[in-house]
Every structure is written in C-alpha cells, then in structure tokens.
C-alpha cells in the first residue's frame, strides 16, 4: 500500500502529457460559452427546449442563431463573440 501511494504521489505536479492544439482549445471554450448562454437565456430564447439540455459542438450554430434572433443587443454581442472564437485562427 505504501509503495502504491508513493507511486501515485510521484506523478503529482508533473506536466500533463495531454496535448491540446489551439483550435481544439477554442472549440472547448466555445462549447462552454454556448452552454452558459443557453442556461442564462433559457427563458428568453430556448423556452421550448428542455432546461437541463446541454448543447454540444454540433448545436452551436442553432444556439447562436436563436440568441442573435431572439435576444437583445447584449445577447447578440455575446453570440458574436462566441462565433468569433470559432472563426478566428488561434494565435501561435
């Protein structure tokens, strides 16, 4: 047991071996922001859908379209920022 815990503890603090390219990172951020926007503006724009629904990457276009058509100016700008995340190439 002691050697097992020592082995696990020795892995802590080391750099992660998972590689994440900038495009994938921006996609992950876009999905997170779309989910947050869906939650925040559920009553205004998404009342006909399930409240516990979690939009995926494939759902981003219709969620952004709904935000841009049904929301106010601030919601429209939020949707534009999310759309820009997907269109702009990531800086090296």
PDB file of N, CA and C in Angstrom:
ATOM      1  N   UNK A   1       0.825  -1.186   0.000  1.00  0.00           N
ATOM      2  CA  UNK A   1       0.000   0.000   0.000  1.00  0.00           C
ATOM      3  C   UNK A   1       0.870   1.251   0.000  1.00  0.00           C
ATOM      4  N   UNK A   2       1.906   1.236   0.766  1.00  0.00           N
ATOM      5  CA  UNK A   2       2.781   2.397   0.876  1.00  0.00           C
ATOM      6  C   UNK A   2       3.475   2.679  -0.450  1.00  0.00           C
ATOM      7  N   UNK A   3       3.927   1.638  -1.131  1.00  0.00           N
ATOM      8  CA  UNK A   3       4.595   1.852  -2.430  1.00  0.00           C
ATOM      9  C   UNK A   3       3.605   2.365  -3.467  1.00  0.00           C
ATOM     10  N   UNK A   4       2.362   1.899  -3.415  1.00  0.00           N
ATOM     11  CA  UNK A   4       1.347   2.366  -4.346  1.00  0.00           C
ATOM     12  C   UNK A   4       1.081   3.858  -4.150  1.00  0.00           C
ATOM     13  N   UNK A   5       0.932   4.287  -2.910  1.00  0.00           N
ATOM     14  CA  UNK A   5       0.699   5.697  -2.634  1.00  0.00           C
ATOM     15  C   UNK A   5       1.908   6.545  -3.014  1.00  0.00           C
ATOM     16  N   UNK A   6       3.106   6.017  -2.822  1.00  0.00           N
ATOM     17  CA  UNK A   6       4.306   6.744  -3.223  1.00  0.00           C
ATOM     18  C   UNK A   6       4.366   6.883  -4.735  1.00  0.00           C
ATOM     19  N   UNK A   7       3.943   5.856  -5.430  1.00  0.00           N
ATOM     20  CA  UNK A   7       3.943   5.910  -6.895  1.00  0.00           C
ATOM     21  C   UNK A   7       2.928   6.933  -7.406  1.00  0.00           C
ATOM     22  N   UNK A   8       1.757   6.966  -6.819  1.00  0.00           N
ATOM     23  CA  UNK A   8       0.748   7.941  -7.216  1.00  0.00           C
ATOM     24  C   UNK A   8       1.222   9.350  -6.881  1.00  0.00           C
ATOM     25  N   UNK A   9       1.769   9.531  -5.714  1.00  0.00           N
ATOM     26  CA  UNK A   9       2.245  10.849  -5.289  1.00  0.00           C
ATOM     27  C   UNK A   9       3.372  11.369  -6.140  1.00  0.00           C
ATOM     28  N   UNK A  10       4.165  10.484  -6.704  1.00  0.00           N
ATOM     29  CA  UNK A  10       5.287  10.941  -7.524  1.00  0.00           C
ATOM     30  C   UNK A  10       4.814  11.512  -8.857  1.00  0.00           C
ATOM     31  N   UNK A  11       3.597  11.184  -9.267  1.00  0.00           N
ATOM     32  CA  UNK A  11       3.071  11.705 -10.526  1.00  0.00           C
ATOM     33  C   UNK A  11       2.504  13.107 -10.376  1.00  0.00           C
ATOM     34  N   UNK A  12       2.183  13.500  -9.175  1.00  0.00           N
ATOM     35  CA  UNK A  12       1.607  14.823  -8.946  1.00  0.00           C
ATOM     36  C   UNK A  12       2.592  15.931  -9.268  1.00  0.00           C
ATOM     37  N   UNK A  13       2.098  16.990  -9.882  1.00  0.00           N
ATOM     38  CA  UNK A  13       2.934  18.143 -10.177  1.00  0.00           C
ATOM     39  C   UNK A  13       3.700  18.052 -11.482  1.00  0.00           C
ATOM     40  N   UNK A  14       3.662  16.910 -12.134  1.00  0.00           N
ATOM     41  CA  UNK A  14       4.351  16.802 -13.414  1.00  0.00           C
ATOM     42  C   UNK A  14       3.475  17.392 -14.505  1.00  0.00           C
ATOM     43  N   UNK A  15       4.121  17.855 -15.554  1.00  0.00           N
ATOM     44  CA  UNK A  15       3.390  18.440 -16.670  1.00  0.00           C
ATOM     45  C   UNK A  15       2.490  17.385 -17.315  1.00  0.00           C
ATOM     46  N   UNK A  16       1.299  17.816 -17.666  1.00  0.00           N
ATOM     47  CA  UNK A  16       0.349  16.908 -18.297  1.00  0.00           C
ATOM     48  C   UNK A  16       0.885  16.451 -19.646  1.00  0.00           C
ATOM     49  N   UNK A  17       0.611  15.223 -19.976  1.00  0.00           N
ATOM     50  CA  UNK A  17       1.071  14.682 -21.252  1.00  0.00           C
ATOM     51  C   UNK A  17       0.035  14.839 -22.341  1.00  0.00           C
ATOM     52  N   UNK A  18      -1.131  15.331 -21.984  1.00  0.00           N
ATOM     53  CA  UNK A  18      -2.177  15.538 -22.969  1.00  0.00           C
ATOM     54  C   UNK A  18      -1.838  16.763 -23.815  1.00  0.00           C
ATOM     55  N   UNK A  19      -1.920  16.585 -25.110  1.00  0.00           N
ATOM     56  CA  UNK A  19      -1.660  17.720 -25.994  1.00  0.00           C
ATOM     57  C   UNK A  19      -2.998  18.276 -26.464  1.00  0.00           C
ATOM     58  N   UNK A  20      -3.091  19.564 -26.482  1.00  0.00           N
ATOM     59  CA  UNK A  20      -4.313  20.234 -26.879  1.00  0.00           C
ATOM     60  C   UNK A  20      -3.940  21.370 -27.814  1.00  0.00           C
ATOM     61  N   UNK A  21      -4.290  21.208 -29.074  1.00  0.00           N
ATOM     62  CA  UNK A  21      -3.941  22.249 -30.035  1.00  0.00           C
ATOM     63  C   UNK A  21      -4.863  23.453 -29.839  1.00  0.00           C
ATOM     64  N   UNK A  22      -4.445  24.626 -30.299  1.00  0.00           N
ATOM     65  CA  UNK A  22      -5.225  25.848 -30.077  1.00  0.00           C
ATOM     66  C   UNK A  22      -6.633  25.799 -30.662  1.00  0.00           C
ATOM     67  N   UNK A  23      -6.801  25.135 -31.795  1.00  0.00           N
ATOM     68  CA  UNK A  23      -8.136  25.045 -32.394  1.00  0.00           C
ATOM     69  C   UNK A  23      -9.080  24.252 -31.497  1.00  0.00           C
ATOM     70  N   UNK A  24      -8.603  23.158 -30.949  1.00  0.00           N
ATOM     71  CA  UNK A  24      -9.431  22.345 -30.058  1.00  0.00           C
ATOM     72  C   UNK A  24      -9.730  23.106 -28.768  1.00  0.00           C
ATOM     73  N   UNK A  25      -8.772  23.860 -28.286  1.00  0.00           N
ATOM     74  CA  UNK A  25      -8.995  24.650 -27.074  1.00  0.00           C
ATOM     75  C   UNK A  25     -10.073  25.697 -27.305  1.00  0.00           C
ATOM     76  N   UNK A  26     -10.057  26.364 -28.455  1.00  0.00           N
ATOM     77  CA  UNK A  26     -11.082  27.369 -28.729  1.00  0.00           C
ATOM     78  C   UNK A  26     -12.446  26.720 -28.923  1.00  0.00           C
ATOM     79  N   UNK A  27     -12.484  25.506 -29.471  1.00  0.00           N
ATOM     80  CA  UNK A  27     -13.758  24.792 -29.593  1.00  0.00           C
ATOM     81  C   UNK A  27     -14.318  24.456 -28.209  1.00  0.00           C
ATOM     82  N   UNK A  28     -13.447  24.047 -27.309  1.00  0.00           N
ATOM     83  CA  UNK A  28     -13.884  23.722 -25.948  1.00  0.00           C
ATOM     84  C   UNK A  28     -14.430  24.967 -25.246  1.00  0.00           C
ATOM     85  N   UNK A  29     -13.759  26.095 -25.435  1.00  0.00           N
ATOM     86  CA  UNK A  29     -14.224  27.345 -24.835  1.00  0.00           C
ATOM     87  C   UNK A  29     -15.569  27.740 -25.436  1.00  0.00           C
ATOM     88  N   UNK A  30     -15.717  27.573 -26.758  1.00  0.00           N
ATOM     89  CA  UNK A  30     -16.977  27.918 -27.417  1.00  0.00           C
ATOM     90  C   UNK A  30     -18.119  27.061 -26.891  1.00  0.00           C
ATOM     91  N   UNK A  31     -17.895  25.776 -26.711  1.00  0.00           N
ATOM     92  CA  UNK A  31     -18.941  24.899 -26.173  1.00  0.00           C
ATOM     93  C   UNK A  31     -19.305  25.323 -24.755  1.00  0.00           C
ATOM     94  N   UNK A  32     -18.315  25.638 -23.951  1.00  0.00           N
ATOM     95  CA  UNK A  32     -18.583  26.078 -22.579  1.00  0.00           C
ATOM     96  C   UNK A  32     -19.400  27.375 -22.571  1.00  0.00           C
ATOM     97  N   UNK A  33     -19.042  28.325 -23.446  1.00  0.00           N
ATOM     98  CA  UNK A  33     -19.762  29.589 -23.502  1.00  0.00           C
ATOM     99  C   UNK A  33     -21.180  29.419 -24.038  1.00  0.00           C
ATOM    100  N   UNK A  34     -21.361  28.520 -25.009  1.00  0.00           N
ATOM    101  CA  UNK A  34     -22.700  28.257 -25.543  1.00  0.00           C
ATOM    102  C   UNK A  34     -23.581  27.628 -24.468  1.00  0.00           C
ATOM    103  N   UNK A  35     -23.037  26.724 -23.701  1.00  0.00           N
ATOM    104  CA  UNK A  35     -23.811  26.106 -22.616  1.00  0.00           C
ATOM    105  C   UNK A  35     -24.216  27.145 -21.577  1.00  0.00           C
ATOM    106  N   UNK A  36     -23.298  28.043 -21.272  1.00  0.00           N
ATOM    107  CA  UNK A  36     -23.602  29.099 -20.309  1.00  0.00           C
ATOM    108  C   UNK A  36     -24.672  30.037 -20.857  1.00  0.00           C
ATOM    109  N   UNK A  37     -24.567  30.406 -22.134  1.00  0.00           N
ATOM    110  CA  UNK A  37     -25.562  31.285 -22.750  1.00  0.00           C
ATOM    111  C   UNK A  37     -26.926  30.606 -22.798  1.00  0.00           C
ATOM    112  N   UNK A  38     -26.943  29.323 -23.103  1.00  0.00           N
ATOM    113  CA  UNK A  38     -28.201  28.574 -23.118  1.00  0.00           C
ATOM    114  C   UNK A  38     -28.858  28.618 -21.744  1.00  0.00           C
ATOM    115  N   UNK A  39     -28.069  28.403 -20.715  1.00  0.00           N
ATOM    116  CA  UNK A  39     -28.580  28.423 -19.347  1.00  0.00           C
ATOM    117  C   UNK A  39     -29.068  29.830 -18.958  1.00  0.00           C
ATOM    118  N   UNK A  40     -28.256  30.841 -19.271  1.00  0.00           N
ATOM    119  CA  UNK A  40     -28.574  32.213 -18.859  1.00  0.00           C
ATOM    120  C   UNK A  40     -29.791  32.780 -19.589  1.00  0.00           C
ATOM    121  N   UNK A  41     -29.996  32.395 -20.827  1.00  0.00           N
ATOM    122  CA  UNK A  41     -31.062  32.981 -21.639  1.00  0.00           C
ATOM    123  C   UNK A  41     -32.124  31.948 -22.012  1.00  0.00           C
ATOM    124  N   UNK A  42     -32.280  30.966 -21.167  1.00  0.00           N
ATOM    125  CA  UNK A  42     -33.241  29.901 -21.429  1.00  0.00           C
ATOM    126  C   UNK A  42     -34.665  30.450 -21.571  1.00  0.00           C
ATOM    127  N   UNK A  43     -35.080  31.300 -20.672  1.00  0.00           N
ATOM    128  CA  UNK A  43     -36.463  31.792 -20.673  1.00  0.00           C
ATOM    129  C   UNK A  43     -36.728  32.649 -21.907  1.00  0.00           C
ATOM    130  N   UNK A  44     -35.766  33.440 -22.316  1.00  0.00           N
ATOM    131  CA  UNK A  44     -35.968  34.337 -23.459  1.00  0.00           C
ATOM    132  C   UNK A  44     -35.935  33.611 -24.797  1.00  0.00           C
ATOM    133  N   UNK A  45     -34.991  32.691 -24.963  1.00  0.00           N
ATOM    134  CA  UNK A  45     -34.715  32.136 -26.290  1.00  0.00           C
ATOM    135  C   UNK A  45     -34.993  30.644 -26.440  1.00  0.00           C
ATOM    136  N   UNK A  46     -34.926  29.892 -25.384  1.00  0.00           N
ATOM    137  CA  UNK A  46     -34.964  28.430 -25.502  1.00  0.00           C
ATOM    138  C   UNK A  46     -36.068  27.795 -24.659  1.00  0.00           C
ATOM    139  N   UNK A  47     -37.149  28.515 -24.422  1.00  0.00           N
ATOM    140  CA  UNK A  47     -38.203  28.040 -23.539  1.00  0.00           C
ATOM    141  C   UNK A  47     -38.851  26.751 -24.032  1.00  0.00           C
ATOM    142  N   UNK A  48     -38.773  26.456 -25.328  1.00  0.00           N
ATOM    143  CA  UNK A  48     -39.427  25.255 -25.845  1.00  0.00           C
ATOM    144  C   UNK A  48     -38.547  23.997 -25.746  1.00  0.00           C
ATOM    145  N   UNK A  49     -37.332  24.169 -25.268  1.00  0.00           N
ATOM    146  CA  UNK A  49     -36.424  23.032 -25.105  1.00  0.00           C
ATOM    147  C   UNK A  49     -36.328  22.655 -23.633  1.00  0.00           C
ATOM    148  N   UNK A  50     -35.740  21.510 -23.380  1.00  0.00           N
ATOM    149  CA  UNK A  50     -35.572  21.065 -22.001  1.00  0.00           C
ATOM    150  C   UNK A  50     -34.577  21.970 -21.278  1.00  0.00           C
ATOM    151  N   UNK A  51     -34.875  22.374 -20.056  1.00  0.00           N
ATOM    152  CA  UNK A  51     -33.952  23.248 -19.327  1.00  0.00           C
ATOM    153  C   UNK A  51     -32.626  22.570 -18.979  1.00  0.00           C
ATOM    154  N   UNK A  52     -32.626  21.252 -18.846  1.00  0.00           N
ATOM    155  CA  UNK A  52     -31.386  20.550 -18.475  1.00  0.00           C
ATOM    156  C   UNK A  52     -30.552  20.142 -19.691  1.00  0.00           C
ATOM    157  N   UNK A  53     -30.992  20.523 -20.876  1.00  0.00           N
ATOM    158  CA  UNK A  53     -30.268  20.153 -22.094  1.00  0.00           C
ATOM    159  C   UNK A  53     -28.882  20.795 -22.110  1.00  0.00           C
ATOM    160  N   UNK A  54     -27.873  20.033 -22.517  1.00  0.00           N
ATOM    161  CA  UNK A  54     -26.505  20.540 -22.646  1.00  0.00           C
ATOM    162  C   UNK A  54     -26.133  20.585 -24.126  1.00  0.00           C
ATOM    163  N   UNK A  55     -26.058  21.774 -24.715  1.00  0.00           N
ATOM    164  CA  UNK A  55     -25.680  21.858 -26.126  1.00  0.00           C
ATOM    165  C   UNK A  55     -24.271  21.316 -26.351  1.00  0.00           C
ATOM    166  N   UNK A  56     -24.088  20.658 -27.491  1.00  0.00           N
ATOM    167  CA  UNK A  56     -22.773  20.129 -27.857  1.00  0.00           C
ATOM    168  C   UNK A  56     -22.168  21.010 -28.953  1.00  0.00           C
ATOM    169  N   UNK A  57     -21.026  20.599 -29.454  1.00  0.00           N
ATOM    170  CA  UNK A  57     -20.372  21.366 -30.519  1.00  0.00           C
ATOM    171  C   UNK A  57     -21.260  21.437 -31.756  1.00  0.00           C
ATOM    172  N   UNK A  58     -21.973  20.376 -32.050  1.00  0.00           N
ATOM    173  CA  UNK A  58     -22.854  20.356 -33.222  1.00  0.00           C
ATOM    174  C   UNK A  58     -24.042  21.302 -33.061  1.00  0.00           C
ATOM    175  N   UNK A  59     -24.404  21.656 -31.840  1.00  0.00           N
ATOM    176  CA  UNK A  59     -25.548  22.528 -31.579  1.00  0.00           C
ATOM    177  C   UNK A  59     -25.194  24.016 -31.616  1.00  0.00           C
ATOM    178  N   UNK A  60     -23.939  24.343 -31.716  1.00  0.00           N
ATOM    179  CA  UNK A  60     -23.530  25.741 -31.648  1.00  0.00           C
ATOM    180  C   UNK A  60     -24.231  26.612 -32.694  1.00  0.00           C
ATOM    181  N   UNK A  61     -24.334  26.203 -33.971  1.00  0.00           N
ATOM    182  CA  UNK A  61     -24.980  27.095 -34.944  1.00  0.00           C
ATOM    183  C   UNK A  61     -26.422  27.474 -34.590  1.00  0.00           C
ATOM    184  N   UNK A  62     -27.255  26.511 -34.202  1.00  0.00           N
ATOM    185  CA  UNK A  62     -28.638  26.883 -33.917  1.00  0.00           C
ATOM    186  C   UNK A  62     -28.783  27.646 -32.614  1.00  0.00           C
ATOM    187  N   UNK A  63     -27.908  27.375 -31.640  1.00  0.00           N
ATOM    188  CA  UNK A  63     -27.969  28.140 -30.394  1.00  0.00           C
ATOM    189  C   UNK A  63     -27.593  29.590 -30.664  1.00  0.00           C
ATOM    190  N   UNK A  64     -26.540  29.806 -31.450  1.00  0.00           N
ATOM    191  CA  UNK A  64     -26.133  31.175 -31.763  1.00  0.00           C
ATOM    192  C   UNK A  64     -27.188  31.892 -32.597  1.00  0.00           C
ATOM    193  N   UNK A  65     -27.785  31.195 -33.549  1.00  0.00           N
ATOM    194  CA  UNK A  65     -28.847  31.808 -34.356  1.00  0.00           C
ATOM    195  C   UNK A  65     -30.028  32.218 -33.477  1.00  0.00           C
ATOM    196  N   UNK A  66     -30.403  31.363 -32.540  1.00  0.00           N
ATOM    197  CA  UNK A  66     -31.510  31.690 -31.637  1.00  0.00           C
ATOM    198  C   UNK A  66     -31.156  32.882 -30.752  1.00  0.00           C
ATOM    199  N   UNK A  67     -29.926  32.920 -30.256  1.00  0.00           N
ATOM    200  CA  UNK A  67     -29.508  34.055 -29.430  1.00  0.00           C
ATOM    201  C   UNK A  67     -29.527  35.347 -30.226  1.00  0.00           C
ATOM    202  N   UNK A  68     -29.063  35.292 -31.466  1.00  0.00           N
ATOM    203  CA  UNK A  68     -28.984  36.502 -32.286  1.00  0.00           C
ATOM    204  C   UNK A  68     -30.367  36.978 -32.734  1.00  0.00           C
ATOM    205  N   UNK A  69     -31.296  36.068 -32.927  1.00  0.00           N
ATOM    206  CA  UNK A  69     -32.616  36.487 -33.402  1.00  0.00           C
ATOM    207  C   UNK A  69     -33.590  36.810 -32.269  1.00  0.00           C
ATOM    208  N   UNK A  70     -33.463  36.132 -31.141  1.00  0.00           N
ATOM    209  CA  UNK A  70     -34.434  36.302 -30.061  1.00  0.00           C
ATOM    210  C   UNK A  70     -33.955  37.197 -28.921  1.00  0.00           C
ATOM    211  N   UNK A  71     -32.658  37.376 -28.802  1.00  0.00           N
ATOM    212  CA  UNK A  71     -32.130  38.131 -27.669  1.00  0.00           C
ATOM    213  C   UNK A  71     -32.021  39.624 -27.933  1.00  0.00           C
ATOM    214  N   UNK A  72     -31.633  40.364 -26.913  1.00  0.00           N
ATOM    215  CA  UNK A  72     -31.426  41.797 -27.054  1.00  0.00           C
ATOM    216  C   UNK A  72     -30.011  42.079 -27.570  1.00  0.00           C
ATOM    217  N   UNK A  73     -29.611  43.325 -27.553  1.00  0.00           N
ATOM    218  CA  UNK A  73     -28.306  43.721 -28.106  1.00  0.00           C
ATOM    219  C   UNK A  73     -27.148  43.049 -27.361  1.00  0.00           C
ATOM    220  N   UNK A  74     -27.216  42.979 -26.052  1.00  0.00           N
ATOM    221  CA  UNK A  74     -26.140  42.354 -25.276  1.00  0.00           C
ATOM    222  C   UNK A  74     -26.021  40.866 -25.600  1.00  0.00           C
ATOM    223  N   UNK A  75     -27.147  40.200 -25.764  1.00  0.00           N
ATOM    224  CA  UNK A  75     -27.139  38.777 -26.099  1.00  0.00           C
ATOM    225  C   UNK A  75     -26.594  38.582 -27.510  1.00  0.00           C
ATOM    226  N   UNK A  76     -26.965  39.481 -28.418  1.00  0.00           N
ATOM    227  CA  UNK A  76     -26.457  39.435 -29.786  1.00  0.00           C
ATOM    228  C   UNK A  76     -24.933  39.554 -29.796  1.00  0.00           C
ATOM    229  N   UNK A  77     -24.398  40.471 -29.013  1.00  0.00           N
ATOM    230  CA  UNK A  77     -22.939  40.652 -28.938  1.00  0.00           C
ATOM    231  C   UNK A  77     -22.258  39.431 -28.323  1.00  0.00           C
ATOM    232  N   UNK A  78     -22.893  38.826 -27.344  1.00  0.00           N
ATOM    233  CA  UNK A  78     -22.342  37.609 -26.745  1.00  0.00           C
ATOM    234  C   UNK A  78     -22.249  36.505 -27.795  1.00  0.00           C
ATOM    235  N   UNK A  79     -23.292  36.351 -28.606  1.00  0.00           N
ATOM    236  CA  UNK A  79     -23.286  35.342 -29.667  1.00  0.00           C
ATOM    237  C   UNK A  79     -22.203  35.649 -30.706  1.00  0.00           C
ATOM    238  N   UNK A  80     -22.000  36.919 -31.015  1.00  0.00           N
ATOM    239  CA  UNK A  80     -20.932  37.292 -31.959  1.00  0.00           C
ATOM    240  C   UNK A  80     -19.554  36.938 -31.409  1.00  0.00           C
ATOM    241  N   UNK A  81     -19.348  37.156 -30.115  1.00  0.00           N
ATOM    242  CA  UNK A  81     -18.051  36.804 -29.504  1.00  0.00           C
ATOM    243  C   UNK A  81     -17.810  35.295 -29.586  1.00  0.00           C
ATOM    244  N   UNK A  82     -18.842  34.518 -29.335  1.00  0.00           N
ATOM    245  CA  UNK A  82     -18.696  33.063 -29.412  1.00  0.00           C
ATOM    246  C   UNK A  82     -18.412  32.639 -30.847  1.00  0.00           C
ATOM    247  N   UNK A  83     -19.106  33.235 -31.785  1.00  0.00           N
ATOM    248  CA  UNK A  83     -18.890  32.909 -33.201  1.00  0.00           C
ATOM    249  C   UNK A  83     -17.463  33.259 -33.632  1.00  0.00           C
ATOM    250  N   UNK A  84     -16.949  34.370 -33.111  1.00  0.00           N
ATOM    251  CA  UNK A  84     -15.567  34.755 -33.429  1.00  0.00           C
ATOM    252  C   UNK A  84     -14.558  33.752 -32.893  1.00  0.00           C
ATOM    253  N   UNK A  85     -14.858  33.125 -31.779  1.00  0.00           N
ATOM    254  CA  UNK A  85     -13.960  32.094 -31.237  1.00  0.00           C
ATOM    255  C   UNK A  85     -13.739  30.972 -32.243  1.00  0.00           C
ATOM    256  N   UNK A  86     -14.764  30.660 -32.992  1.00  0.00           N
ATOM    257  CA  UNK A  86     -14.691  29.540 -33.927  1.00  0.00           C
ATOM    258  C   UNK A  86     -14.105  29.924 -35.274  1.00  0.00           C
ATOM    259  N   UNK A  87     -14.209  31.184 -35.654  1.00  0.00           N
ATOM    260  CA  UNK A  87     -13.759  31.598 -36.983  1.00  0.00           C
ATOM    261  C   UNK A  87     -12.321  32.105 -37.021  1.00  0.00           C
ATOM    262  N   UNK A  88     -11.880  32.710 -35.930  1.00  0.00           N
ATOM    263  CA  UNK A  88     -10.530  33.267 -35.918  1.00  0.00           C
ATOM    264  C   UNK A  88      -9.498  32.166 -35.704  1.00  0.00           C
ATOM    265  N   UNK A  89      -8.429  32.199 -36.482  1.00  0.00           N
ATOM    266  CA  UNK A  89      -7.350  31.250 -36.189  1.00  0.00           C
ATOM    267  C   UNK A  89      -6.681  31.610 -34.873  1.00  0.00           C
ATOM    268  N   UNK A  90      -6.293  30.621 -34.155  1.00  0.00           N
ATOM    269  CA  UNK A  90      -5.652  30.851 -32.855  1.00  0.00           C
ATOM    270  C   UNK A  90      -4.257  31.417 -33.070  1.00  0.00           C
ATOM    271  N   UNK A  91      -3.870  32.309 -32.179  1.00  0.00           N
ATOM    272  CA  UNK A  91      -2.533  32.898 -32.260  1.00  0.00           C
ATOM    273  C   UNK A  91      -1.500  31.883 -31.794  1.00  0.00           C
ATOM    274  N   UNK A  92      -0.379  31.794 -32.481  1.00  0.00           N
ATOM    275  CA  UNK A  92       0.648  30.820 -32.054  1.00  0.00           C
ATOM    276  C   UNK A  92       1.337  31.233 -30.785  1.00  0.00           C
TER     277      UNK A  92
END
